[in-house]
mmCIF file of all heavy atoms, coordinates in Angstrom:
data_MODEL
# 
_entry.id   MODEL 
# 
loop_
_atom_site.group_PDB 
_atom_site.id 
_atom_site.type_symbol 
_atom_site.label_atom_id 
_atom_site.label_alt_id 
_atom_site.label_comp_id 
_atom_site.label_asym_id 
_atom_site.label_entity_id 
_atom_site.label_seq_id 
_atom_site.pdbx_PDB_ins_code 
_atom_site.Cartn_x 
_atom_site.Cartn_y 
_atom_site.Cartn_z 
_atom_site.occupancy 
_atom_site.B_iso_or_equiv 
_atom_site.pdbx_formal_charge 
_atom_site.auth_seq_id 
_atom_site.auth_comp_id 
_atom_site.auth_asym_id 
_atom_site.auth_atom_id 
_atom_site.pdbx_PDB_model_num 
ATOM 1   N N   . PRO A 1 1  ? 7.810  -1.727 2.279  1.00 0.00 ? 1  PRO A N   1 
ATOM 2   C CA  . PRO A 1 1  ? 9.225  -2.005 1.936  1.00 0.00 ? 1  PRO A CA  1 
ATOM 3   C C   . PRO A 1 1  ? 10.176 -1.218 2.853  1.00 0.00 ? 1  PRO A C   1 
ATOM 4   O O   . PRO A 1 1  ? 9.970  -0.053 3.130  1.00 0.00 ? 1  PRO A O   1 
ATOM 5   C CB  . PRO A 1 1  ? 9.357  -1.516 0.505  1.00 0.00 ? 1  PRO A CB  1 
ATOM 6   C CG  . PRO A 1 1  ? 7.972  -1.685 -0.024 1.00 0.00 ? 1  PRO A CG  1 
ATOM 7   C CD  . PRO A 1 1  ? 7.048  -1.362 1.099  1.00 0.00 ? 1  PRO A CD  1 
ATOM 8   N N   . ARG A 1 2  ? 11.159 -1.916 3.341  1.00 0.00 ? 2  ARG A N   1 
ATOM 9   C CA  . ARG A 1 2  ? 12.212 -1.297 4.199  1.00 0.00 ? 2  ARG A CA  1 
ATOM 10  C C   . ARG A 1 2  ? 13.561 -1.869 3.787  1.00 0.00 ? 2  ARG A C   1 
ATOM 11  O O   . ARG A 1 2  ? 13.643 -2.848 3.092  1.00 0.00 ? 2  ARG A O   1 
ATOM 12  C CB  . ARG A 1 2  ? 11.973 -1.759 5.679  1.00 0.00 ? 2  ARG A CB  1 
ATOM 13  C CG  . ARG A 1 2  ? 10.737 -1.146 6.350  1.00 0.00 ? 2  ARG A CG  1 
ATOM 14  C CD  . ARG A 1 2  ? 10.966 0.386  6.578  1.00 0.00 ? 2  ARG A CD  1 
ATOM 15  N NE  . ARG A 1 2  ? 9.994  0.932  7.519  1.00 0.00 ? 2  ARG A NE  1 
ATOM 16  C CZ  . ARG A 1 2  ? 8.955  1.586  7.194  1.00 0.00 ? 2  ARG A CZ  1 
ATOM 17  N NH1 . ARG A 1 2  ? 8.635  1.733  5.941  1.00 0.00 ? 2  ARG A NH1 1 
ATOM 18  N NH2 . ARG A 1 2  ? 8.133  2.146  8.107  1.00 0.00 ? 2  ARG A NH2 1 
ATOM 19  N N   . PRO A 1 3  ? 14.654 -1.199 4.163  1.00 0.00 ? 3  PRO A N   1 
ATOM 20  C CA  . PRO A 1 3  ? 15.922 -1.816 3.992  1.00 0.00 ? 3  PRO A CA  1 
ATOM 21  C C   . PRO A 1 3  ? 16.050 -3.070 4.783  1.00 0.00 ? 3  PRO A C   1 
ATOM 22  O O   . PRO A 1 3  ? 15.130 -3.430 5.549  1.00 0.00 ? 3  PRO A O   1 
ATOM 23  C CB  . PRO A 1 3  ? 16.918 -0.700 4.527  1.00 0.00 ? 3  PRO A CB  1 
ATOM 24  C CG  . PRO A 1 3  ? 16.113 0.142  5.402  1.00 0.00 ? 3  PRO A CG  1 
ATOM 25  C CD  . PRO A 1 3  ? 14.690 0.111  4.855  1.00 0.00 ? 3  PRO A CD  1 
ATOM 26  N N   . GLU A 1 4  ? 17.149 -3.752 4.703  1.00 0.00 ? 4  GLU A N   1 
ATOM 27  C CA  . GLU A 1 4  ? 17.257 -5.052 5.374  1.00 0.00 ? 4  GLU A CA  1 
ATOM 28  C C   . GLU A 1 4  ? 17.107 -5.019 6.843  1.00 0.00 ? 4  GLU A C   1 
ATOM 29  O O   . GLU A 1 4  ? 16.529 -5.891 7.433  1.00 0.00 ? 4  GLU A O   1 
ATOM 30  C CB  . GLU A 1 4  ? 18.606 -5.695 4.957  1.00 0.00 ? 4  GLU A CB  1 
ATOM 31  C CG  . GLU A 1 4  ? 18.671 -7.133 5.389  1.00 0.00 ? 4  GLU A CG  1 
ATOM 32  C CD  . GLU A 1 4  ? 19.904 -7.834 4.856  1.00 0.00 ? 4  GLU A CD  1 
ATOM 33  O OE1 . GLU A 1 4  ? 20.635 -7.186 4.063  1.00 0.00 ? 4  GLU A OE1 1 
ATOM 34  O OE2 . GLU A 1 4  ? 20.097 -8.992 5.145  1.00 0.00 ? 4  GLU A OE2 1 
ATOM 35  N N   . TRP A 1 5  ? 17.638 -3.953 7.513  1.00 0.00 ? 5  TRP A N   1 
ATOM 36  C CA  . TRP A 1 5  ? 17.618 -3.870 8.922  1.00 0.00 ? 5  TRP A CA  1 
ATOM 37  C C   . TRP A 1 5  ? 16.760 -2.772 9.485  1.00 0.00 ? 5  TRP A C   1 
ATOM 38  O O   . TRP A 1 5  ? 15.707 -2.947 10.093 1.00 0.00 ? 5  TRP A O   1 
ATOM 39  C CB  . TRP A 1 5  ? 19.021 -3.770 9.486  1.00 0.00 ? 5  TRP A CB  1 
ATOM 40  C CG  . TRP A 1 5  ? 19.885 -4.964 9.078  1.00 0.00 ? 5  TRP A CG  1 
ATOM 41  C CD1 . TRP A 1 5  ? 21.001 -4.944 8.277  1.00 0.00 ? 5  TRP A CD1 1 
ATOM 42  C CD2 . TRP A 1 5  ? 19.705 -6.302 9.466  1.00 0.00 ? 5  TRP A CD2 1 
ATOM 43  N NE1 . TRP A 1 5  ? 21.555 -6.143 8.137  1.00 0.00 ? 5  TRP A NE1 1 
ATOM 44  C CE2 . TRP A 1 5  ? 20.820 -7.065 8.861  1.00 0.00 ? 5  TRP A CE2 1 
ATOM 45  C CE3 . TRP A 1 5  ? 18.815 -7.006 10.238 1.00 0.00 ? 5  TRP A CE3 1 
ATOM 46  C CZ2 . TRP A 1 5  ? 20.921 -8.411 9.016  1.00 0.00 ? 5  TRP A CZ2 1 
ATOM 47  C CZ3 . TRP A 1 5  ? 18.995 -8.365 10.406 1.00 0.00 ? 5  TRP A CZ3 1 
ATOM 48  C CH2 . TRP A 1 5  ? 20.048 -9.057 9.744  1.00 0.00 ? 5  TRP A CH2 1 
ATOM 49  N N   . ALA A 1 6  ? 17.213 -1.532 9.232  1.00 0.00 ? 6  ALA A N   1 
ATOM 50  C CA  . ALA A 1 6  ? 16.567 -0.389 9.908  1.00 0.00 ? 6  ALA A CA  1 
ATOM 51  C C   . ALA A 1 6  ? 15.182 -0.113 9.341  1.00 0.00 ? 6  ALA A C   1 
ATOM 52  O O   . ALA A 1 6  ? 14.818 -0.528 8.234  1.00 0.00 ? 6  ALA A O   1 
ATOM 53  C CB  . ALA A 1 6  ? 17.411 0.851  9.763  1.00 0.00 ? 6  ALA A CB  1 
ATOM 54  N N   . ASP A 1 7  ? 14.341 0.596  10.081 1.00 0.00 ? 7  ASP A N   1 
ATOM 55  C CA  . ASP A 1 7  ? 13.083 1.113  9.686  1.00 0.00 ? 7  ASP A CA  1 
ATOM 56  C C   . ASP A 1 7  ? 13.136 2.382  8.863  1.00 0.00 ? 7  ASP A C   1 
ATOM 57  O O   . ASP A 1 7  ? 12.169 3.053  8.617  1.00 0.00 ? 7  ASP A O   1 
ATOM 58  C CB  . ASP A 1 7  ? 12.132 1.346  10.894 1.00 0.00 ? 7  ASP A CB  1 
ATOM 59  C CG  . ASP A 1 7  ? 11.344 0.033  11.155 1.00 0.00 ? 7  ASP A CG  1 
ATOM 60  O OD1 . ASP A 1 7  ? 11.367 -0.917 10.379 1.00 0.00 ? 7  ASP A OD1 1 
ATOM 61  O OD2 . ASP A 1 7  ? 10.675 0.001  12.249 1.00 0.00 ? 7  ASP A OD2 1 
ATOM 62  N N   . TRP A 1 8  ? 14.342 2.679  8.411  1.00 0.00 ? 8  TRP A N   1 
ATOM 63  C CA  . TRP A 1 8  ? 14.554 3.831  7.458  1.00 0.00 ? 8  TRP A CA  1 
ATOM 64  C C   . TRP A 1 8  ? 15.731 3.398  6.553  1.00 0.00 ? 8  TRP A C   1 
ATOM 65  O O   . TRP A 1 8  ? 16.444 2.431  6.820  1.00 0.00 ? 8  TRP A O   1 
ATOM 66  C CB  . TRP A 1 8  ? 14.856 5.141  8.206  1.00 0.00 ? 8  TRP A CB  1 
ATOM 67  C CG  . TRP A 1 8  ? 16.157 5.063  8.961  1.00 0.00 ? 8  TRP A CG  1 
ATOM 68  C CD1 . TRP A 1 8  ? 17.400 5.420  8.478  1.00 0.00 ? 8  TRP A CD1 1 
ATOM 69  C CD2 . TRP A 1 8  ? 16.326 4.703  10.293 1.00 0.00 ? 8  TRP A CD2 1 
ATOM 70  N NE1 . TRP A 1 8  ? 18.342 5.309  9.419  1.00 0.00 ? 8  TRP A NE1 1 
ATOM 71  C CE2 . TRP A 1 8  ? 17.686 4.815  10.603 1.00 0.00 ? 8  TRP A CE2 1 
ATOM 72  C CE3 . TRP A 1 8  ? 15.511 4.279  11.315 1.00 0.00 ? 8  TRP A CE3 1 
ATOM 73  C CZ2 . TRP A 1 8  ? 18.220 4.499  11.891 1.00 0.00 ? 8  TRP A CZ2 1 
ATOM 74  C CZ3 . TRP A 1 8  ? 16.021 3.933  12.574 1.00 0.00 ? 8  TRP A CZ3 1 
ATOM 75  C CH2 . TRP A 1 8  ? 17.361 4.103  12.810 1.00 0.00 ? 8  TRP A CH2 1 
ATOM 76  N N   . THR A 1 9  ? 15.990 4.173  5.520  1.00 0.00 ? 9  THR A N   1 
ATOM 77  C CA  . THR A 1 9  ? 17.098 3.932  4.629  1.00 0.00 ? 9  THR A CA  1 
ATOM 78  C C   . THR A 1 9  ? 17.826 5.245  4.366  1.00 0.00 ? 9  THR A C   1 
ATOM 79  O O   . THR A 1 9  ? 17.191 6.298  4.354  1.00 0.00 ? 9  THR A O   1 
ATOM 80  C CB  . THR A 1 9  ? 16.699 3.284  3.311  1.00 0.00 ? 9  THR A CB  1 
ATOM 81  O OG1 . THR A 1 9  ? 17.880 3.094  2.482  1.00 0.00 ? 9  THR A OG1 1 
ATOM 82  C CG2 . THR A 1 9  ? 15.678 4.162  2.546  1.00 0.00 ? 9  THR A CG2 1 
ATOM 83  N N   . ILE A 1 10 ? 19.114 5.181  4.147  1.00 0.00 ? 10 ILE A N   1 
ATOM 84  C CA  . ILE A 1 10 ? 19.864 6.367  3.807  1.00 0.00 ? 10 ILE A CA  1 
ATOM 85  C C   . ILE A 1 10 ? 19.902 6.532  2.273  1.00 0.00 ? 10 ILE A C   1 
ATOM 86  O O   . ILE A 1 10 ? 20.490 7.511  1.778  1.00 0.00 ? 10 ILE A O   1 
ATOM 87  C CB  . ILE A 1 10 ? 21.323 6.373  4.341  1.00 0.00 ? 10 ILE A CB  1 
ATOM 88  C CG1 . ILE A 1 10 ? 22.125 5.169  3.876  1.00 0.00 ? 10 ILE A CG1 1 
ATOM 89  C CG2 . ILE A 1 10 ? 21.224 6.385  5.901  1.00 0.00 ? 10 ILE A CG2 1 
ATOM 90  C CD1 . ILE A 1 10 ? 23.561 5.216  4.290  1.00 0.00 ? 10 ILE A CD1 1 
ATOM 91  N N   . ASP A 1 11 ? 19.378 5.568  1.528  1.00 0.00 ? 11 ASP A N   1 
ATOM 92  C CA  . ASP A 1 11 ? 19.367 5.643  0.040  1.00 0.00 ? 11 ASP A CA  1 
ATOM 93  C C   . ASP A 1 11 ? 17.944 5.885  -0.446 1.00 0.00 ? 11 ASP A C   1 
ATOM 94  O O   . ASP A 1 11 ? 17.159 4.904  -0.522 1.00 0.00 ? 11 ASP A O   1 
ATOM 95  C CB  . ASP A 1 11 ? 19.939 4.303  -0.484 1.00 0.00 ? 11 ASP A CB  1 
ATOM 96  C CG  . ASP A 1 11 ? 20.210 4.437  -1.990 1.00 0.00 ? 11 ASP A CG  1 
ATOM 97  O OD1 . ASP A 1 11 ? 19.410 5.130  -2.681 1.00 0.00 ? 11 ASP A OD1 1 
ATOM 98  O OD2 . ASP A 1 11 ? 21.159 3.792  -2.471 1.00 0.00 ? 11 ASP A OD2 1 
ATOM 99  N N   . ARG A 1 12 ? 17.577 7.051  -0.687 1.00 0.00 ? 12 ARG A N   1 
ATOM 100 C CA  . ARG A 1 12 ? 16.245 7.422  -1.103 1.00 0.00 ? 12 ARG A CA  1 
ATOM 101 C C   . ARG A 1 12 ? 15.854 6.738  -2.402 1.00 0.00 ? 12 ARG A C   1 
ATOM 102 O O   . ARG A 1 12 ? 14.742 6.312  -2.641 1.00 0.00 ? 12 ARG A O   1 
ATOM 103 C CB  . ARG A 1 12 ? 16.080 8.951  -1.227 1.00 0.00 ? 12 ARG A CB  1 
ATOM 104 C CG  . ARG A 1 12 ? 14.641 9.359  -1.509 1.00 0.00 ? 12 ARG A CG  1 
ATOM 105 C CD  . ARG A 1 12 ? 14.571 10.675 -2.070 1.00 0.00 ? 12 ARG A CD  1 
ATOM 106 N NE  . ARG A 1 12 ? 13.197 11.030 -2.472 1.00 0.00 ? 12 ARG A NE  1 
ATOM 107 C CZ  . ARG A 1 12 ? 12.623 10.532 -3.600 1.00 0.00 ? 12 ARG A CZ  1 
ATOM 108 N NH1 . ARG A 1 12 ? 13.278 9.813  -4.444 1.00 0.00 ? 12 ARG A NH1 1 
ATOM 109 N NH2 . ARG A 1 12 ? 11.353 10.829 -3.854 1.00 0.00 ? 12 ARG A NH2 1 
ATOM 110 N N   . ALA A 1 13 ? 16.812 6.678  -3.342 1.00 0.00 ? 13 ALA A N   1 
ATOM 111 C CA  . ALA A 1 13 ? 16.520 6.092  -4.667 1.00 0.00 ? 13 ALA A CA  1 
ATOM 112 C C   . ALA A 1 13 ? 16.096 4.650  -4.568 1.00 0.00 ? 13 ALA A C   1 
ATOM 113 O O   . ALA A 1 13 ? 15.189 4.182  -5.246 1.00 0.00 ? 13 ALA A O   1 
ATOM 114 C CB  . ALA A 1 13 ? 17.698 6.229  -5.606 1.00 0.00 ? 13 ALA A CB  1 
ATOM 115 N N   . VAL A 1 14 ? 16.776 3.864  -3.709 1.00 0.00 ? 14 VAL A N   1 
ATOM 116 C CA  . VAL A 1 14 ? 16.436 2.471  -3.534 1.00 0.00 ? 14 VAL A CA  1 
ATOM 117 C C   . VAL A 1 14 ? 15.004 2.388  -2.928 1.00 0.00 ? 14 VAL A C   1 
ATOM 118 O O   . VAL A 1 14 ? 14.197 1.542  -3.296 1.00 0.00 ? 14 VAL A O   1 
ATOM 119 C CB  . VAL A 1 14 ? 17.443 1.737  -2.622 1.00 0.00 ? 14 VAL A CB  1 
ATOM 120 C CG1 . VAL A 1 14 ? 16.930 0.411  -2.147 1.00 0.00 ? 14 VAL A CG1 1 
ATOM 121 C CG2 . VAL A 1 14 ? 18.745 1.624  -3.334 1.00 0.00 ? 14 VAL A CG2 1 
ATOM 122 N N   . LEU A 1 15 ? 14.696 3.216  -1.928 1.00 0.00 ? 15 LEU A N   1 
ATOM 123 C CA  . LEU A 1 15 ? 13.376 3.206  -1.331 1.00 0.00 ? 15 LEU A CA  1 
ATOM 124 C C   . LEU A 1 15 ? 12.314 3.583  -2.343 1.00 0.00 ? 15 LEU A C   1 
ATOM 125 O O   . LEU A 1 15 ? 11.231 2.971  -2.323 1.00 0.00 ? 15 LEU A O   1 
ATOM 126 C CB  . LEU A 1 15 ? 13.387 4.114  -0.090 1.00 0.00 ? 15 LEU A CB  1 
ATOM 127 C CG  . LEU A 1 15 ? 12.099 4.041  0.759  1.00 0.00 ? 15 LEU A CG  1 
ATOM 128 C CD1 . LEU A 1 15 ? 11.973 2.673  1.466  1.00 0.00 ? 15 LEU A CD1 1 
ATOM 129 C CD2 . LEU A 1 15 ? 12.071 5.137  1.825  1.00 0.00 ? 15 LEU A CD2 1 
ATOM 130 N N   . GLU A 1 16 ? 12.589 4.588  -3.156 1.00 0.00 ? 16 GLU A N   1 
ATOM 131 C CA  . GLU A 1 16 ? 11.579 4.967  -4.133 1.00 0.00 ? 16 GLU A CA  1 
ATOM 132 C C   . GLU A 1 16 ? 11.283 3.857  -5.140 1.00 0.00 ? 16 GLU A C   1 
ATOM 133 O O   . GLU A 1 16 ? 10.152 3.643  -5.535 1.00 0.00 ? 16 GLU A O   1 
ATOM 134 C CB  . GLU A 1 16 ? 12.039 6.256  -4.858 1.00 0.00 ? 16 GLU A CB  1 
ATOM 135 C CG  . GLU A 1 16 ? 11.166 6.693  -6.064 1.00 0.00 ? 16 GLU A CG  1 
ATOM 136 C CD  . GLU A 1 16 ? 9.716  6.955  -5.640 1.00 0.00 ? 16 GLU A CD  1 
ATOM 137 O OE1 . GLU A 1 16 ? 9.454  7.246  -4.447 1.00 0.00 ? 16 GLU A OE1 1 
ATOM 138 O OE2 . GLU A 1 16 ? 8.905  6.919  -6.576 1.00 0.00 ? 16 GLU A OE2 1 
ATOM 139 N N   . GLY A 1 17 ? 12.324 3.145  -5.500 1.00 0.00 ? 17 GLY A N   1 
ATOM 140 C CA  . GLY A 1 17 ? 12.147 1.986  -6.407 1.00 0.00 ? 17 GLY A CA  1 
ATOM 141 C C   . GLY A 1 17 ? 11.289 0.910  -5.784 1.00 0.00 ? 17 GLY A C   1 
ATOM 142 O O   . GLY A 1 17 ? 10.417 0.345  -6.391 1.00 0.00 ? 17 GLY A O   1 
ATOM 143 N N   . ALA A 1 18 ? 11.486 0.685  -4.484 1.00 0.00 ? 18 ALA A N   1 
ATOM 144 C CA  . ALA A 1 18 ? 10.719 -0.307 -3.764 1.00 0.00 ? 18 ALA A CA  1 
ATOM 145 C C   . ALA A 1 18 ? 9.273  0.127  -3.679 1.00 0.00 ? 18 ALA A C   1 
ATOM 146 O O   . ALA A 1 18 ? 8.325  -0.635 -3.770 1.00 0.00 ? 18 ALA A O   1 
ATOM 147 C CB  . ALA A 1 18 ? 11.303 -0.595 -2.406 1.00 0.00 ? 18 ALA A CB  1 
ATOM 148 N N   . ARG A 1 19 ? 9.128  1.442  -3.421 1.00 0.00 ? 19 ARG A N   1 
ATOM 149 C CA  . ARG A 1 19 ? 7.699  1.978  -3.280 1.00 0.00 ? 19 ARG A CA  1 
ATOM 150 C C   . ARG A 1 19 ? 6.987  1.817  -4.595 1.00 0.00 ? 19 ARG A C   1 
ATOM 151 O O   . ARG A 1 19 ? 5.797  1.412  -4.603 1.00 0.00 ? 19 ARG A O   1 
ATOM 152 C CB  . ARG A 1 19 ? 7.825  3.496  -2.952 1.00 0.00 ? 19 ARG A CB  1 
ATOM 153 C CG  . ARG A 1 19 ? 6.465  4.147  -2.662 1.00 0.00 ? 19 ARG A CG  1 
ATOM 154 C CD  . ARG A 1 19 ? 6.500  5.654  -2.810 1.00 0.00 ? 19 ARG A CD  1 
ATOM 155 N NE  . ARG A 1 19 ? 6.709  6.060  -4.190 1.00 0.00 ? 19 ARG A NE  1 
ATOM 156 C CZ  . ARG A 1 19 ? 5.773  6.159  -5.069 1.00 0.00 ? 19 ARG A CZ  1 
ATOM 157 N NH1 . ARG A 1 19 ? 4.507  5.794  -4.793 1.00 0.00 ? 19 ARG A NH1 1 
ATOM 158 N NH2 . ARG A 1 19 ? 6.069  6.544  -6.329 1.00 0.00 ? 19 ARG A NH2 1 
ATOM 159 N N   . ARG A 1 20 ? 7.580  2.192  -5.724 1.00 0.00 ? 20 ARG A N   1 
ATOM 160 C CA  . ARG A 1 20 ? 6.926  2.056  -7.014 1.00 0.00 ? 20 ARG A CA  1 
ATOM 161 C C   . ARG A 1 20 ? 6.561  0.606  -7.303 1.00 0.00 ? 20 ARG A C   1 
ATOM 162 O O   . ARG A 1 20 ? 5.491  0.240  -7.851 1.00 0.00 ? 20 ARG A O   1 
ATOM 163 C CB  . ARG A 1 20 ? 7.795  2.609  -8.153 1.00 0.00 ? 20 ARG A CB  1 
ATOM 164 C CG  . ARG A 1 20 ? 7.936  4.086  -8.162 1.00 0.00 ? 20 ARG A CG  1 
ATOM 165 C CD  . ARG A 1 20 ? 8.469  4.581  -9.491 1.00 0.00 ? 20 ARG A CD  1 
ATOM 166 N NE  . ARG A 1 20 ? 9.768  3.972  -9.778 1.00 0.00 ? 20 ARG A NE  1 
ATOM 167 C CZ  . ARG A 1 20 ? 10.972 4.528  -9.524 1.00 0.00 ? 20 ARG A CZ  1 
ATOM 168 N NH1 . ARG A 1 20 ? 11.010 5.683  -8.878 1.00 0.00 ? 20 ARG A NH1 1 
ATOM 169 N NH2 . ARG A 1 20 ? 12.048 3.883  -9.879 1.00 0.00 ? 20 ARG A NH2 1 
ATOM 170 N N   . GLY A 1 21 ? 7.417  -0.343 -6.940 1.00 0.00 ? 21 GLY A N   1 
ATOM 171 C CA  . GLY A 1 21 ? 7.191  -1.706 -7.214 1.00 0.00 ? 21 GLY A CA  1 
ATOM 172 C C   . GLY A 1 21 ? 6.230  -2.421 -6.345 1.00 0.00 ? 21 GLY A C   1 
ATOM 173 O O   . GLY A 1 21 ? 5.542  -3.334 -6.776 1.00 0.00 ? 21 GLY A O   1 
ATOM 174 N N   . ALA A 1 22 ? 6.182  -2.063 -5.065 1.00 0.00 ? 22 ALA A N   1 
ATOM 175 C CA  . ALA A 1 22 ? 5.483  -2.834 -4.064 1.00 0.00 ? 22 ALA A CA  1 
ATOM 176 C C   . ALA A 1 22 ? 4.409  -2.095 -3.304 1.00 0.00 ? 22 ALA A C   1 
ATOM 177 O O   . ALA A 1 22 ? 3.476  -2.692 -2.776 1.00 0.00 ? 22 ALA A O   1 
ATOM 178 C CB  . ALA A 1 22 ? 6.393  -3.471 -3.085 1.00 0.00 ? 22 ALA A CB  1 
ATOM 179 N N   . ALA A 1 23 ? 4.508  -0.754 -3.227 1.00 0.00 ? 23 ALA A N   1 
ATOM 180 C CA  . ALA A 1 23 ? 3.554  0.004  -2.424 1.00 0.00 ? 23 ALA A CA  1 
ATOM 181 C C   . ALA A 1 23 ? 3.316  1.382  -3.012 1.00 0.00 ? 23 ALA A C   1 
ATOM 182 O O   . ALA A 1 23 ? 3.682  2.429  -2.413 1.00 0.00 ? 23 ALA A O   1 
ATOM 183 C CB  . ALA A 1 23 ? 4.029  0.166  -0.939 1.00 0.00 ? 23 ALA A CB  1 
ATOM 184 N N   . PRO A 1 24 ? 2.816  1.460  -4.250 1.00 0.00 ? 24 PRO A N   1 
ATOM 185 C CA  . PRO A 1 24 ? 2.718  2.762  -4.954 1.00 0.00 ? 24 PRO A CA  1 
ATOM 186 C C   . PRO A 1 24 ? 1.817  3.773  -4.280 1.00 0.00 ? 24 PRO A C   1 
ATOM 187 O O   . PRO A 1 24 ? 1.883  4.944  -4.568 1.00 0.00 ? 24 PRO A O   1 
ATOM 188 C CB  . PRO A 1 24 ? 2.222  2.384  -6.326 1.00 0.00 ? 24 PRO A CB  1 
ATOM 189 C CG  . PRO A 1 24 ? 1.509  1.050  -6.159 1.00 0.00 ? 24 PRO A CG  1 
ATOM 190 C CD  . PRO A 1 24 ? 2.301  0.351  -5.065 1.00 0.00 ? 24 PRO A CD  1 
ATOM 191 N N   . ASP A 1 25 ? 0.933  3.325  -3.339 1.00 0.00 ? 25 ASP A N   1 
ATOM 192 C CA  . ASP A 1 25 ? 0.056  4.267  -2.640 1.00 0.00 ? 25 ASP A CA  1 
ATOM 193 C C   . ASP A 1 25 ? 0.663  4.743  -1.408 1.00 0.00 ? 25 ASP A C   1 
ATOM 194 O O   . ASP A 1 25 ? 0.066  5.552  -0.619 1.00 0.00 ? 25 ASP A O   1 
ATOM 195 C CB  . ASP A 1 25 ? -1.299 3.587  -2.419 1.00 0.00 ? 25 ASP A CB  1 
ATOM 196 C CG  . ASP A 1 25 ? -1.210 2.318  -1.535 1.00 0.00 ? 25 ASP A CG  1 
ATOM 197 O OD1 . ASP A 1 25 ? -0.103 1.746  -1.526 1.00 0.00 ? 25 ASP A OD1 1 
ATOM 198 O OD2 . ASP A 1 25 ? -2.180 1.921  -0.980 1.00 0.00 ? 25 ASP A OD2 1 
ATOM 199 N N   . SER A 1 26 ? 1.902  4.363  -1.057 1.00 0.00 ? 26 SER A N   1 
ATOM 200 C CA  . SER A 1 26 ? 2.554  4.885  0.136  1.00 0.00 ? 26 SER A CA  1 
ATOM 201 C C   . SER A 1 26 ? 3.297  6.134  -0.232 1.00 0.00 ? 26 SER A C   1 
ATOM 202 O O   . SER A 1 26 ? 3.473  6.488  -1.434 1.00 0.00 ? 26 SER A O   1 
ATOM 203 C CB  . SER A 1 26 ? 3.485  3.832  0.708  1.00 0.00 ? 26 SER A CB  1 
ATOM 204 O OG  . SER A 1 26 ? 4.563  3.551  -0.205 1.00 0.00 ? 26 SER A OG  1 
ATOM 205 N N   . THR A 1 27 ? 3.827  6.870  0.702  1.00 0.00 ? 27 THR A N   1 
ATOM 206 C CA  . THR A 1 27 ? 4.490  8.132  0.555  1.00 0.00 ? 27 THR A CA  1 
ATOM 207 C C   . THR A 1 27 ? 5.902  8.048  1.132  1.00 0.00 ? 27 THR A C   1 
ATOM 208 O O   . THR A 1 27 ? 6.101  7.571  2.265  1.00 0.00 ? 27 THR A O   1 
ATOM 209 C CB  . THR A 1 27 ? 3.744  9.275  1.229  1.00 0.00 ? 27 THR A CB  1 
ATOM 210 O OG1 . THR A 1 27 ? 2.367  9.345  0.703  1.00 0.00 ? 27 THR A OG1 1 
ATOM 211 C CG2 . THR A 1 27 ? 4.422  10.608 1.064  1.00 0.00 ? 27 THR A CG2 1 
ATOM 212 N N   . VAL A 1 28 ? 6.880  8.604  0.402  1.00 0.00 ? 28 VAL A N   1 
ATOM 213 C CA  . VAL A 1 28 ? 8.237  8.704  0.916  1.00 0.00 ? 28 VAL A CA  1 
ATOM 214 C C   . VAL A 1 28 ? 8.266  9.895  1.906  1.00 0.00 ? 28 VAL A C   1 
ATOM 215 O O   . VAL A 1 28 ? 7.857  10.985 1.525  1.00 0.00 ? 28 VAL A O   1 
ATOM 216 C CB  . VAL A 1 28 ? 9.266  8.867  -0.152 1.00 0.00 ? 28 VAL A CB  1 
ATOM 217 C CG1 . VAL A 1 28 ? 10.676 9.099  0.426  1.00 0.00 ? 28 VAL A CG1 1 
ATOM 218 C CG2 . VAL A 1 28 ? 9.272  7.648  -1.044 1.00 0.00 ? 28 VAL A CG2 1 
# 
């Protein structure tokens, strides 16, 4: 999971939500 454009996001909370939902074995 990534934000719409960049390979990083400035919103950690959004990324963590995506991690839990789609890639729980990945690391922030």
